[in-house]
């Protein structure tokens, strides 16, 4: 329970109040659970930041490629993205293949 509350981002004071114990008792008895919960929260934040960075990188690269010399105005498509008529279609297609 303590680990779960800490992973949700609650402070030790809030967890102690929720459980109805003294915060010093909580820290003394559940220090490892509190630390594990904080580490879970940090890992989630790091994963979210990484995903956001990768997503931004994908969008920037696909957008730059779309407006590059590979765009054929006569065909109305970018030769790098077959069957895509719009940038949005190219971005959607890139989700399937991007690593």
N, C-alpha and C. Protein backbone atom coordinates (compact mmCIF):
# COMPACT_ATOMS: atom_id res chain seq x y z
N UNK A 1 0.82 -1.19 0.00
CA UNK A 1 0.00 0.00 0.00
C UNK A 1 0.87 1.26 0.00
N UNK A 2 1.90 1.26 0.82
CA UNK A 2 2.80 2.41 0.91
C UNK A 2 3.51 2.61 -0.42
N UNK A 3 4.00 1.52 -1.00
CA UNK A 3 4.71 1.59 -2.27
C UNK A 3 3.80 2.15 -3.37
N UNK A 4 2.55 1.69 -3.38
CA UNK A 4 1.58 2.15 -4.38
C UNK A 4 1.30 3.64 -4.23
N UNK A 5 1.10 4.09 -3.01
CA UNK A 5 0.84 5.52 -2.79
C UNK A 5 2.04 6.37 -3.17
N UNK A 6 3.23 5.89 -2.85
CA UNK A 6 4.45 6.63 -3.20
C UNK A 6 4.62 6.66 -4.72
N UNK A 7 4.29 5.55 -5.40
CA UNK A 7 4.40 5.50 -6.86
C UNK A 7 3.41 6.46 -7.52
N UNK A 8 2.30 6.73 -6.86
CA UNK A 8 1.32 7.68 -7.39
C UNK A 8 1.76 9.12 -7.17
N UNK A 9 2.85 9.32 -6.44
CA UNK A 9 3.38 10.66 -6.24
C UNK A 9 3.03 11.31 -4.92
N UNK A 10 2.37 10.58 -4.03
CA UNK A 10 2.03 11.15 -2.73
C UNK A 10 3.28 11.26 -1.86
N UNK A 11 3.35 12.32 -1.08
CA UNK A 11 4.49 12.53 -0.19
C UNK A 11 4.36 11.63 1.04
N UNK A 12 5.45 11.49 1.76
CA UNK A 12 5.43 10.70 2.99
C UNK A 12 4.43 11.22 3.99
N UNK A 13 4.27 12.53 4.08
CA UNK A 13 3.31 13.14 5.00
C UNK A 13 1.88 12.75 4.64
N UNK A 14 1.56 12.79 3.36
CA UNK A 14 0.22 12.45 2.91
C UNK A 14 -0.05 10.96 3.12
N UNK A 15 0.94 10.14 2.84
CA UNK A 15 0.78 8.69 3.05
C UNK A 15 0.55 8.39 4.52
N UNK A 16 1.33 9.04 5.38
CA UNK A 16 1.17 8.83 6.83
C UNK A 16 -0.22 9.24 7.28
N UNK A 17 -0.70 10.37 6.79
CA UNK A 17 -2.04 10.84 7.17
C UNK A 17 -3.11 9.89 6.65
N UNK A 18 -2.93 9.39 5.46
CA UNK A 18 -3.89 8.46 4.87
C UNK A 18 -3.97 7.16 5.67
N UNK A 19 -2.81 6.68 6.10
CA UNK A 19 -2.76 5.43 6.86
C UNK A 19 -3.04 5.64 8.34
N UNK A 20 -3.03 6.88 8.78
CA UNK A 20 -3.30 7.19 10.18
C UNK A 20 -2.14 6.86 11.10
N UNK A 21 -0.92 7.03 10.61
CA UNK A 21 0.26 6.78 11.43
C UNK A 21 1.13 8.03 11.47
N UNK A 22 2.01 8.09 12.42
CA UNK A 22 2.98 9.18 12.53
C UNK A 22 3.97 9.06 11.38
N UNK A 23 4.31 10.21 10.76
CA UNK A 23 5.20 10.16 9.60
C UNK A 23 6.57 9.60 9.94
N UNK A 24 7.06 9.82 11.16
CA UNK A 24 8.35 9.25 11.54
C UNK A 24 8.26 7.73 11.66
N UNK A 25 7.13 7.25 12.17
CA UNK A 25 6.90 5.80 12.25
C UNK A 25 6.82 5.22 10.83
N UNK A 26 6.11 5.92 9.95
CA UNK A 26 5.99 5.47 8.57
C UNK A 26 7.37 5.36 7.92
N UNK A 27 8.17 6.38 8.08
CA UNK A 27 9.51 6.38 7.48
C UNK A 27 10.40 5.30 8.08
N UNK A 28 10.26 5.09 9.39
CA UNK A 28 11.09 4.07 10.05
C UNK A 28 10.69 2.66 9.62
N UNK A 29 9.39 2.42 9.51
CA UNK A 29 8.89 1.07 9.21
C UNK A 29 8.85 0.76 7.72
N UNK A 30 8.69 1.78 6.89
CA UNK A 30 8.45 1.54 5.47
C UNK A 30 9.42 2.31 4.57
N UNK A 31 10.62 2.54 5.04
CA UNK A 31 11.58 3.31 4.25
C UNK A 31 11.85 2.66 2.89
N UNK A 32 11.99 1.36 2.86
CA UNK A 32 12.28 0.68 1.60
C UNK A 32 11.08 0.74 0.65
N UNK A 33 9.88 0.61 1.19
CA UNK A 33 8.69 0.73 0.35
C UNK A 33 8.54 2.14 -0.21
N UNK A 34 8.82 3.14 0.61
CA UNK A 34 8.76 4.53 0.15
C UNK A 34 9.77 4.75 -0.97
N UNK A 35 10.97 4.25 -0.79
CA UNK A 35 12.01 4.41 -1.80
C UNK A 35 11.63 3.68 -3.09
N UNK A 36 11.12 2.47 -2.96
CA UNK A 36 10.71 1.70 -4.15
C UNK A 36 9.60 2.42 -4.89
N UNK A 37 8.66 2.99 -4.17
CA UNK A 37 7.57 3.74 -4.80
C UNK A 37 8.07 4.96 -5.54
N UNK A 38 9.02 5.67 -4.94
CA UNK A 38 9.60 6.84 -5.61
C UNK A 38 10.34 6.41 -6.87
N UNK A 39 11.05 5.29 -6.81
CA UNK A 39 11.78 4.81 -7.99
C UNK A 39 10.83 4.43 -9.12
N UNK A 40 9.69 3.85 -8.77
CA UNK A 40 8.68 3.53 -9.78
C UNK A 40 8.20 4.82 -10.45
N UNK A 41 7.92 5.83 -9.65
CA UNK A 41 7.46 7.11 -10.17
C UNK A 41 8.52 7.75 -11.08
N UNK A 42 9.78 7.72 -10.67
CA UNK A 42 10.86 8.28 -11.47
C UNK A 42 10.98 7.53 -12.80
N UNK A 43 10.87 6.21 -12.76
CA UNK A 43 10.96 5.40 -13.98
C UNK A 43 9.83 5.74 -14.94
N UNK A 44 8.63 5.94 -14.40
CA UNK A 44 7.49 6.30 -15.24
C UNK A 44 7.71 7.66 -15.90
N UNK A 45 8.23 8.61 -15.13
CA UNK A 45 8.49 9.94 -15.68
C UNK A 45 9.57 9.87 -16.76
N UNK A 46 10.62 9.09 -16.51
CA UNK A 46 11.69 8.96 -17.49
C UNK A 46 11.18 8.31 -18.78
N UNK A 47 10.34 7.30 -18.64
CA UNK A 47 9.78 6.63 -19.82
C UNK A 47 8.89 7.59 -20.61
N UNK A 48 8.10 8.39 -19.93
CA UNK A 48 7.22 9.35 -20.59
C UNK A 48 8.05 10.41 -21.32
N UNK A 49 9.11 10.88 -20.70
CA UNK A 49 9.97 11.88 -21.33
C UNK A 49 10.66 11.30 -22.56
N UNK A 50 11.11 10.07 -22.47
CA UNK A 50 11.77 9.42 -23.59
C UNK A 50 10.80 9.23 -24.75
N UNK A 51 9.60 8.80 -24.45
CA UNK A 51 8.59 8.61 -25.49
C UNK A 51 8.29 9.95 -26.16
N UNK A 52 8.15 10.97 -25.39
CA UNK A 52 7.87 12.29 -25.94
C UNK A 52 9.02 12.76 -26.83
N UNK A 53 10.24 12.52 -26.40
CA UNK A 53 11.40 12.94 -27.19
C UNK A 53 11.44 12.17 -28.51
N UNK A 54 11.20 10.87 -28.45
CA UNK A 54 11.21 10.06 -29.66
C UNK A 54 10.08 10.46 -30.60
N UNK A 55 8.93 10.75 -30.02
CA UNK A 55 7.79 11.16 -30.83
C UNK A 55 8.08 12.48 -31.53
N UNK A 56 8.64 13.44 -30.81
CA UNK A 56 9.00 14.73 -31.42
C UNK A 56 10.03 14.53 -32.52
N UNK A 57 11.02 13.69 -32.25
CA UNK A 57 12.06 13.42 -33.24
C UNK A 57 11.45 12.83 -34.51
N UNK A 58 10.54 11.88 -34.36
CA UNK A 58 9.89 11.25 -35.51
C UNK A 58 9.13 12.29 -36.32
N UNK A 59 8.37 13.13 -35.66
CA UNK A 59 7.58 14.14 -36.36
C UNK A 59 8.48 15.12 -37.11
N UNK A 60 9.55 15.56 -36.46
CA UNK A 60 10.47 16.50 -37.11
C UNK A 60 11.12 15.89 -38.35
N UNK A 61 11.55 14.65 -38.24
CA UNK A 61 12.24 14.00 -39.36
C UNK A 61 11.28 13.74 -40.51
N UNK A 62 10.09 13.23 -40.21
CA UNK A 62 9.13 12.95 -41.27
C UNK A 62 8.68 14.24 -41.95
N UNK A 63 8.47 15.29 -41.16
CA UNK A 63 8.06 16.57 -41.74
C UNK A 63 9.15 17.12 -42.65
N UNK A 64 10.39 17.06 -42.21
CA UNK A 64 11.50 17.55 -43.04
C UNK A 64 11.61 16.73 -44.33
N UNK A 65 11.44 15.42 -44.23
CA UNK A 65 11.50 14.56 -45.41
C UNK A 65 10.34 14.85 -46.35
N UNK A 66 9.17 15.12 -45.79
CA UNK A 66 7.99 15.39 -46.61
C UNK A 66 8.19 16.63 -47.48
N UNK A 67 8.77 17.66 -46.89
CA UNK A 67 8.97 18.92 -47.62
C UNK A 67 10.33 19.00 -48.30
N UNK A 68 10.99 17.88 -48.47
CA UNK A 68 12.29 17.85 -49.12
C UNK A 68 12.14 17.78 -50.64
N UNK A 69 13.25 17.61 -51.30
CA UNK A 69 13.24 17.49 -52.77
C UNK A 69 12.55 16.22 -53.24
N UNK A 70 12.24 15.33 -52.33
CA UNK A 70 11.58 14.08 -52.70
C UNK A 70 10.09 14.28 -52.95
N UNK A 71 9.57 15.45 -52.67
CA UNK A 71 8.15 15.72 -52.92
C UNK A 71 7.97 16.03 -54.41
N UNK A 72 7.11 15.31 -55.08
CA UNK A 72 6.82 15.51 -56.49
C UNK A 72 5.45 16.17 -56.61
N UNK A 73 5.45 17.45 -56.98
CA UNK A 73 4.20 18.21 -57.07
C UNK A 73 3.29 17.66 -58.16
N UNK A 74 3.87 17.15 -59.25
CA UNK A 74 3.05 16.60 -60.33
C UNK A 74 2.28 15.36 -59.87
N UNK A 75 2.94 14.51 -59.12
CA UNK A 75 2.27 13.32 -58.60
C UNK A 75 1.42 13.64 -57.38
N UNK A 76 1.79 14.72 -56.69
CA UNK A 76 1.08 15.09 -55.47
C UNK A 76 1.43 14.20 -54.30
N UNK A 77 2.62 13.61 -54.34
CA UNK A 77 3.05 12.76 -53.23
C UNK A 77 4.55 12.82 -53.08
N UNK A 78 5.01 12.37 -51.95
CA UNK A 78 6.43 12.30 -51.66
C UNK A 78 6.89 10.90 -52.02
N UNK A 79 7.95 10.80 -52.79
CA UNK A 79 8.44 9.51 -53.25
C UNK A 79 8.95 8.64 -52.10
N UNK A 80 9.27 9.27 -50.96
CA UNK A 80 9.72 8.50 -49.79
C UNK A 80 8.55 7.83 -49.07
N UNK A 81 7.35 8.34 -49.31
CA UNK A 81 6.16 7.84 -48.62
C UNK A 81 5.10 7.46 -49.65
N UNK A 82 5.27 6.30 -50.28
CA UNK A 82 4.30 5.89 -51.29
C UNK A 82 2.90 5.76 -50.70
N UNK A 83 1.92 6.10 -51.50
CA UNK A 83 0.51 6.00 -51.14
C UNK A 83 0.08 7.01 -50.08
N UNK A 84 0.92 7.98 -49.77
CA UNK A 84 0.55 9.02 -48.81
C UNK A 84 0.34 10.31 -49.58
N UNK A 85 -0.85 10.86 -49.47
CA UNK A 85 -1.18 12.11 -50.17
C UNK A 85 -1.00 13.34 -49.29
N UNK A 86 -0.92 13.13 -47.97
CA UNK A 86 -0.77 14.26 -47.06
C UNK A 86 0.32 13.95 -46.04
N UNK A 87 0.80 15.01 -45.40
CA UNK A 87 1.79 14.84 -44.34
C UNK A 87 1.22 14.01 -43.20
N UNK A 88 -0.05 14.21 -42.88
CA UNK A 88 -0.69 13.45 -41.80
C UNK A 88 -0.67 11.95 -42.11
N UNK A 89 -0.91 11.58 -43.37
CA UNK A 89 -0.86 10.17 -43.75
C UNK A 89 0.56 9.63 -43.61
N UNK A 90 1.55 10.45 -43.98
CA UNK A 90 2.94 10.02 -43.85
C UNK A 90 3.32 9.83 -42.38
N UNK A 91 2.86 10.75 -41.54
CA UNK A 91 3.14 10.62 -40.10
C UNK A 91 2.48 9.36 -39.54
N UNK A 92 1.26 9.08 -39.97
CA UNK A 92 0.56 7.89 -39.49
C UNK A 92 1.28 6.63 -39.98
N UNK A 93 1.70 6.64 -41.24
CA UNK A 93 2.43 5.50 -41.78
C UNK A 93 3.75 5.27 -41.04
N UNK A 94 4.40 6.36 -40.67
CA UNK A 94 5.71 6.24 -40.01
C UNK A 94 5.59 5.62 -38.62
N UNK A 95 4.44 5.76 -37.98
CA UNK A 95 4.25 5.15 -36.65
C UNK A 95 4.43 3.64 -36.70
N UNK A 96 4.03 3.05 -37.80
CA UNK A 96 4.08 1.59 -37.93
C UNK A 96 5.51 1.08 -38.09
N UNK A 97 6.38 1.92 -38.67
CA UNK A 97 7.72 1.47 -39.02
C UNK A 97 8.83 2.13 -38.20
N UNK A 98 8.50 3.10 -37.40
CA UNK A 98 9.51 3.88 -36.66
C UNK A 98 10.03 3.11 -35.45
N UNK A 99 11.31 3.18 -35.20
CA UNK A 99 11.90 2.50 -34.04
C UNK A 99 12.68 3.47 -33.22
